[in-house]
Protein backbone atom coordinates (compact mmCIF):
# COMPACT_ATOMS: atom_id res chain seq x y z
CA UNK A 1 -5.80 -5.87 -31.18
CA UNK A 2 -4.19 -2.45 -30.92
CA UNK A 3 -6.43 -1.07 -28.18
CA UNK A 4 -5.21 2.48 -28.51
CA UNK A 5 -6.05 2.57 -32.22
CA UNK A 6 -9.34 0.77 -31.64
CA UNK A 7 -10.26 3.31 -28.98
CA UNK A 8 -9.96 6.10 -31.53
CA UNK A 9 -12.53 4.29 -33.70
CA UNK A 10 -14.94 3.40 -30.89
CA UNK A 11 -18.59 3.10 -31.86
CA UNK A 12 -20.18 4.00 -28.53
CA UNK A 13 -19.05 6.06 -25.55
CA UNK A 14 -20.81 6.88 -22.30
CA UNK A 15 -19.32 8.60 -19.27
CA UNK A 16 -20.34 7.47 -15.82
CA UNK A 17 -18.84 10.00 -13.45
CA UNK A 18 -15.72 9.25 -11.46
CA UNK A 19 -14.44 6.29 -9.47
CA UNK A 20 -16.29 7.31 -6.33
CA UNK A 21 -13.45 8.86 -4.36
CA UNK A 22 -11.26 10.92 -6.64
CA UNK A 23 -11.28 13.00 -9.79
CA UNK A 24 -10.39 10.20 -12.22
CA UNK A 25 -13.01 10.08 -14.97
CA UNK A 26 -14.51 6.81 -16.19
CA UNK A 27 -16.00 6.11 -19.58
CA UNK A 28 -17.64 2.99 -21.01
CA UNK A 29 -16.61 2.41 -24.60
CA UNK A 30 -17.58 -0.13 -27.26
CA UNK A 31 -14.68 -0.89 -29.59
CA UNK A 32 -15.22 -1.58 -33.32
CA UNK A 33 -15.14 -5.37 -32.77
CA UNK A 34 -17.88 -5.13 -30.11
CA UNK A 35 -15.57 -5.41 -27.10
CA UNK A 36 -16.78 -3.32 -24.17
CA UNK A 37 -14.11 -1.60 -22.10
CA UNK A 38 -13.82 1.00 -19.35
CA UNK A 39 -11.41 3.88 -19.91
CA UNK A 40 -9.99 5.65 -16.87
CA UNK A 41 -8.21 8.98 -17.29
CA UNK A 42 -6.02 10.44 -14.57
CA UNK A 43 -5.65 14.16 -13.91
CA UNK A 44 -3.69 15.18 -10.83
CA UNK A 45 -5.21 18.67 -10.92
CA UNK A 46 -8.67 17.15 -10.30
CA UNK A 47 -7.78 14.00 -8.37
CA UNK A 48 -7.44 14.43 -4.61
CA UNK A 49 -6.16 10.92 -3.94
CA UNK A 50 -3.42 11.33 -6.52
CA UNK A 51 -2.24 14.49 -4.78
CA UNK A 52 -2.37 12.89 -1.33
CA UNK A 53 -0.37 9.84 -2.44
CA UNK A 54 2.22 11.69 -4.54
CA UNK A 55 0.89 10.31 -7.82
CA UNK A 56 1.73 12.84 -10.53
CA UNK A 57 0.27 11.25 -13.66
CA UNK A 58 -1.27 7.83 -13.02
CA UNK A 59 0.49 5.22 -10.90
CA UNK A 60 -1.56 2.41 -12.39
CA UNK A 61 0.01 3.07 -15.80
CA UNK A 62 3.45 3.00 -14.21
CA UNK A 63 2.65 -0.34 -12.56
CA UNK A 64 1.48 -1.75 -15.88
CA UNK A 65 4.73 -0.68 -17.53
CA UNK A 66 6.70 -2.18 -14.64
CA UNK A 67 5.11 -5.58 -15.27
CA UNK A 68 3.07 -5.86 -12.07
CA UNK A 69 -0.07 -7.30 -13.61
CA UNK A 70 1.82 -10.04 -15.45
CA UNK A 71 3.45 -11.04 -12.14
CA UNK A 72 0.26 -11.44 -10.09
CA UNK A 73 -0.45 -14.93 -8.70
CA UNK A 74 -3.16 -16.99 -10.42
CA UNK A 75 -5.55 -16.44 -7.50
CA UNK A 76 -5.68 -12.69 -8.24
CA UNK A 77 -7.17 -11.38 -11.46
CA UNK A 78 -6.90 -7.89 -12.87
CA UNK A 79 -8.87 -5.97 -15.48
CA UNK A 80 -6.13 -3.87 -17.13
CA UNK A 81 -5.81 -4.34 -20.89
CA UNK A 82 -3.54 -1.44 -21.78
CA UNK A 83 -2.34 1.93 -20.57
CA UNK A 84 -0.29 4.87 -21.73
CA UNK A 85 0.41 8.53 -21.07
CA UNK A 86 -1.03 11.41 -23.02
CA UNK A 87 1.32 14.19 -22.02
CA UNK A 88 1.33 14.14 -18.22
CA UNK A 89 -2.01 12.32 -17.89
CA UNK A 90 -2.34 8.57 -17.64
CA UNK A 91 -4.94 6.50 -19.44
CA UNK A 92 -5.88 2.94 -18.44
CA UNK A 93 -8.16 0.69 -20.48
CA UNK A 94 -9.85 -2.13 -18.57
CA UNK A 95 -12.22 -4.96 -19.28
CA UNK A 96 -15.78 -3.90 -18.55
CA UNK A 97 -16.70 -6.25 -15.72
CA UNK A 98 -20.21 -4.82 -15.49
CA UNK A 99 -22.38 -6.16 -12.69
CA UNK A 100 -19.58 -8.44 -11.46
CA UNK A 101 -18.03 -5.42 -9.68
CA UNK A 102 -19.37 -5.12 -6.15
CA UNK A 103 -21.12 -1.96 -4.98
CA UNK A 104 -20.99 -0.07 -1.71
CA UNK A 105 -23.79 -2.19 -0.21
CA UNK A 106 -23.03 -5.66 -1.59
CA UNK A 107 -22.24 -8.20 1.12
CA UNK A 108 -19.70 -11.00 1.11
CA UNK A 109 -21.01 -14.37 2.23
CA UNK A 110 -18.64 -16.83 3.95
CA UNK A 111 -17.59 -18.29 0.60
CA UNK A 112 -16.77 -14.82 -0.74
CA UNK A 113 -14.82 -14.03 2.42
CA UNK A 114 -12.77 -17.19 1.97
CA UNK A 115 -12.05 -16.22 -1.64
CA UNK A 116 -10.87 -12.75 -0.60
CA UNK A 117 -8.68 -14.14 2.19
CA UNK A 118 -7.18 -16.78 -0.10
CA UNK A 119 -6.47 -14.35 -2.95
CA UNK A 120 -5.04 -11.67 -0.67
CA UNK A 121 -2.78 -14.17 1.08
CA UNK A 122 -1.58 -15.40 -2.33
CA UNK A 123 -0.77 -11.83 -3.38
CA UNK A 124 1.19 -11.23 -0.21
CA UNK A 125 3.01 -14.57 -0.52
CA UNK A 126 3.97 -13.90 -4.13
CA UNK A 127 5.75 -10.63 -3.34
CA UNK A 128 6.94 -11.25 0.22
CA UNK A 129 10.37 -9.63 0.35
CA UNK A 130 10.48 -10.02 -3.43
CA UNK A 131 8.93 -6.91 -4.98
CA UNK A 132 10.60 -6.27 -8.36
CA UNK A 133 12.68 -3.10 -8.31
CA UNK A 134 10.76 -1.67 -11.26
CA UNK A 135 7.51 -2.04 -9.30
CA UNK A 136 8.97 -0.83 -5.99
CA UNK A 137 10.17 2.38 -7.64
CA UNK A 138 6.62 3.55 -8.44
CA UNK A 139 4.69 2.42 -5.35
CA UNK A 140 2.97 4.85 -3.00
CA UNK A 141 5.42 5.94 -0.26
CA UNK A 142 4.64 4.15 2.99
CA UNK A 143 4.29 7.35 5.02
CA UNK A 144 1.82 8.75 2.46
CA UNK A 145 -0.24 5.55 2.62
CA UNK A 146 -0.29 5.21 6.42
CA UNK A 147 -0.91 8.92 6.95
CA UNK A 148 -3.40 9.36 4.12
CA UNK A 149 -5.86 11.18 6.39
CA UNK A 150 -3.33 12.86 8.67
CA UNK A 151 -5.04 16.18 9.50
CA UNK A 152 -1.94 18.29 8.86
CA UNK A 153 -1.52 16.77 5.39
CA UNK A 154 -5.13 17.08 4.29
CA UNK A 155 -6.02 20.44 5.83
CA UNK A 156 -4.72 22.41 2.80
CA UNK A 157 -7.45 20.66 0.79
CA UNK A 158 -10.29 21.74 3.08
CA UNK A 159 -13.40 22.23 0.99
CA UNK A 160 -13.03 18.85 -0.68
CA UNK A 161 -15.90 16.73 0.74
CA UNK A 162 -13.68 13.78 1.68
CA UNK A 163 -11.22 16.07 3.47
CA UNK A 164 -13.96 17.88 5.35
CA UNK A 165 -15.45 14.57 6.49
CA UNK A 166 -12.06 13.34 7.72
CA UNK A 167 -11.22 16.54 9.57
CA UNK A 168 -14.62 16.59 11.27
CA UNK A 169 -14.33 12.90 12.16
CA UNK A 170 -10.98 13.37 13.88
CA UNK A 171 -12.48 16.28 15.82
CA UNK A 172 -15.20 13.92 17.07
CA UNK A 173 -12.74 11.16 17.99
CA UNK A 174 -11.83 12.42 21.51
CA UNK A 175 -15.54 12.65 22.32
CA UNK A 176 -16.59 9.11 21.37
CA UNK A 177 -14.23 7.29 23.74
CA UNK A 178 -11.84 8.53 26.39
CA UNK A 179 -8.79 6.70 27.63
CA UNK A 180 -5.17 5.89 26.99
CA UNK A 181 -5.76 3.79 23.87
CA UNK A 182 -8.07 6.23 22.04
CA UNK A 183 -5.66 9.03 22.90
CA UNK A 184 -2.75 7.02 21.45
CA UNK A 185 -4.71 6.30 18.27
CA UNK A 186 -5.41 10.00 17.81
CA UNK A 187 -1.74 10.79 18.45
CA UNK A 188 -0.81 8.40 15.62
CA UNK A 189 -3.42 9.95 13.35
CA UNK A 190 -1.75 13.31 13.98
CA UNK A 191 1.78 11.88 13.64
CA UNK A 192 1.93 8.35 12.17
CA UNK A 193 5.75 8.20 12.11
CA UNK A 194 6.04 5.72 15.04
CA UNK A 195 3.69 3.35 13.22
CA UNK A 196 5.56 3.81 9.94
CA UNK A 197 8.84 2.95 11.69
CA UNK A 198 7.35 -0.19 13.24
CA UNK A 199 5.97 -1.37 9.90
CA UNK A 200 9.33 -0.84 8.21
CA UNK A 201 10.95 -3.19 10.70
CA UNK A 202 8.84 -6.17 9.54
CA UNK A 203 9.03 -8.13 6.28
CA UNK A 204 7.24 -6.25 3.51
CA UNK A 205 5.25 -7.39 0.52
CA UNK A 206 3.10 -5.78 -2.15
CA UNK A 207 -0.25 -4.48 -0.93
CA UNK A 208 -3.20 -3.62 -3.12
CA UNK A 209 -3.44 -0.58 -0.86
CA UNK A 210 -7.17 0.05 -1.15
CA UNK A 211 -8.65 -3.37 -0.50
CA UNK A 212 -12.40 -2.81 -0.45
CA UNK A 213 -15.48 -4.53 -1.81
CA UNK A 214 -15.95 -1.77 -4.40
CA UNK A 215 -12.55 -2.69 -5.84
CA UNK A 216 -13.51 -6.35 -6.27
CA UNK A 217 -15.28 -8.37 -8.92
CA UNK A 218 -16.19 -12.04 -8.82
CA UNK A 219 -16.21 -13.90 -12.13
CA UNK A 220 -16.84 -17.53 -11.31
CA UNK A 221 -14.29 -18.57 -8.72
CA UNK A 222 -11.81 -15.83 -9.63
CA UNK A 223 -11.44 -12.66 -7.61
CA UNK A 224 -10.47 -9.67 -9.72
CA UNK A 225 -9.02 -6.62 -7.99
CA UNK A 226 -9.33 -3.23 -9.64
CA UNK A 227 -7.92 0.24 -8.94
CA UNK A 228 -4.27 -0.41 -8.01
CA UNK A 229 -3.31 3.27 -7.83
CA UNK A 230 -2.65 3.19 -4.07
CA UNK A 231 -0.46 0.06 -4.05
CA UNK A 232 2.40 0.20 -1.55
CA UNK A 233 4.88 -2.02 0.28
CA UNK A 234 4.28 -3.06 3.91
CA UNK A 235 3.48 -6.17 5.94
CA UNK A 236 0.59 -7.91 4.19
CA UNK A 237 -1.70 -7.64 7.21
CA UNK A 238 -2.00 -3.88 6.59
CA UNK A 239 -4.23 -4.75 3.62
CA UNK A 240 -6.38 -6.81 5.99
CA UNK A 241 -6.58 -4.03 8.58
CA UNK A 242 -7.72 -1.58 5.95
CA UNK A 243 -10.23 -4.04 4.54
CA UNK A 244 -11.82 -4.72 7.93
CA UNK A 245 -11.80 -1.03 8.88
CA UNK A 246 -13.66 -0.06 5.73
CA UNK A 247 -15.75 -3.12 4.92
CA UNK A 248 -16.04 -5.26 8.05
CA UNK A 249 -19.74 -4.43 8.30
CA UNK A 250 -20.32 -5.98 4.85
CA UNK A 251 -18.96 -9.41 5.76
CA UNK A 252 -21.10 -12.37 6.80
CA UNK A 253 -18.30 -13.46 9.13
CA UNK A 254 -17.02 -11.66 12.21
CA UNK A 255 -13.75 -9.69 12.06
CA UNK A 256 -12.09 -12.45 14.07
CA UNK A 257 -13.58 -14.98 11.68
CA UNK A 258 -12.06 -13.20 8.70
CA UNK A 259 -8.70 -12.97 10.46
CA UNK A 260 -8.82 -16.73 10.95
CA UNK A 261 -9.53 -17.22 7.23
CA UNK A 262 -6.53 -15.06 6.37
CA UNK A 263 -4.38 -16.80 9.00
CA UNK A 264 -5.25 -20.19 7.49
CA UNK A 265 -4.62 -19.01 3.91
CA UNK A 266 -1.30 -17.38 4.82
CA UNK A 267 0.03 -20.51 6.51
CA UNK A 268 3.68 -20.24 7.51
CA UNK A 269 3.80 -16.61 6.31
CA UNK A 270 1.33 -15.53 8.97
CA UNK A 271 2.69 -13.01 11.49
CA UNK A 272 0.53 -12.15 14.51
CA UNK A 273 2.55 -9.04 15.33
CA UNK A 274 2.07 -7.82 11.78
CA UNK A 275 -1.67 -8.39 12.16
CA UNK A 276 -1.70 -6.28 15.33
CA UNK A 277 0.13 -3.48 13.51
CA UNK A 278 -2.09 -3.87 10.46
CA UNK A 279 -5.27 -3.50 12.49
CA UNK A 280 -3.81 -0.49 14.28
CA UNK A 281 -2.98 1.00 10.86
CA UNK A 282 -6.56 0.34 9.74
CA UNK A 283 -7.92 2.29 12.70
CA UNK A 284 -5.43 5.14 12.17
CA UNK A 285 -6.53 5.19 8.53
CA UNK A 286 -10.31 5.19 9.08
CA UNK A 287 -10.89 6.05 12.73
CA UNK A 288 -12.27 9.40 11.61
CA UNK A 289 -14.97 7.61 9.61
CA UNK A 290 -15.98 5.49 12.57
CA UNK A 291 -16.17 8.58 14.79
CA UNK A 292 -18.25 10.36 12.17
CA UNK A 293 -20.71 7.44 11.87
CA UNK A 294 -21.04 7.14 15.64
CA UNK A 295 -21.57 10.86 16.09
CA UNK A 296 -23.77 11.98 13.25
CA UNK A 297 -24.88 9.25 10.86
CA UNK A 298 -28.61 9.77 10.14
CA UNK A 299 -29.36 6.04 10.45
CA UNK A 300 -29.52 5.06 14.14
CA UNK A 301 -28.77 1.42 13.27
CA UNK A 302 -25.45 2.42 11.73
CA UNK A 303 -24.62 4.62 14.71
CA UNK A 304 -25.32 1.69 17.02
CA UNK A 305 -23.42 -0.76 14.82
CA UNK A 306 -20.27 1.34 14.80
CA UNK A 307 -20.51 2.07 18.51
CA UNK A 308 -20.82 -1.65 19.24
CA UNK A 309 -17.81 -2.44 17.03
CA UNK A 310 -15.52 0.16 18.62
CA UNK A 311 -14.40 -1.87 21.68
CA UNK A 312 -13.06 -4.64 19.40
CA UNK A 313 -11.05 -2.10 17.44
CA UNK A 314 -9.66 -0.46 20.55
CA UNK A 315 -8.68 -3.83 22.03
CA UNK A 316 -6.83 -4.69 18.81
CA UNK A 317 -5.26 -1.24 18.70
CA UNK A 318 -3.93 -1.72 22.21
CA UNK A 319 -2.11 -4.86 21.04
CA UNK A 320 -0.55 -2.96 18.15
CA UNK A 321 0.51 -0.07 20.36
CA UNK A 322 2.70 -2.40 22.44
CA UNK A 323 4.81 -3.03 19.30
CA UNK A 324 5.69 0.62 18.61
């Protein structure tokens, strides 16, 4: 089926806002043969994340053209059916996975955690020091990815809700915990270059880049990952650090328990130093959010949860700091 032609003859269309973090618009469409798809349209003028990651017209389309999705390991599914550019704006057409896509509050039971660890390890193994040049050429630059919420970089976009949250969170950070390690984490948030240099010295692979429950769908035993627009190259454990920093509270295993699942799935590819750096990168990426939740979240249970989790993160960060 020529999806682009079929899209022009669609029988039903319904917009459903954006993807939850950027300006990319999403639309559910029923094609003439009854197939239901989701159409995502990129517009750098309206998409904050595109601007912060140097994406000018839709990196996911570029990755499709570079053959990434055909090269994924069998443990990792994707939803992309087609993609193209309309002028300087990318368009991606995806399978409509419906209720299989997880929401912001869906939890992962131990079986789901094992599936995520297994699929992520397979992704990292597949591309370990073997990212095709065509794919590597269009990935998010490492410094953009690691320093996504670097105050100096995001301050010009003050007024955007996400930017305002991040700036306020980093302002809270010195108040929630004092000491050498929290100070070092904040220093890296302000200038992540030492962390970027350390990551570049270790074997790199392809990272999804925004590994989060809301970018996952379970269809039977298969894990499908969606929204590849932030993909970048780094040690695989950076994906894990980001996942635990953003979604650790949604897992029915402890952070150490999930690390053990990933360690087991990675096998001989596992690198403890890379894990230490990956967890440090996760805290540099989302420390502002933890500070914000601890300081002003309206739900006292969430404030207490994040406060209780902070010592684990700082202990792990201290291990990563010794490798800089």
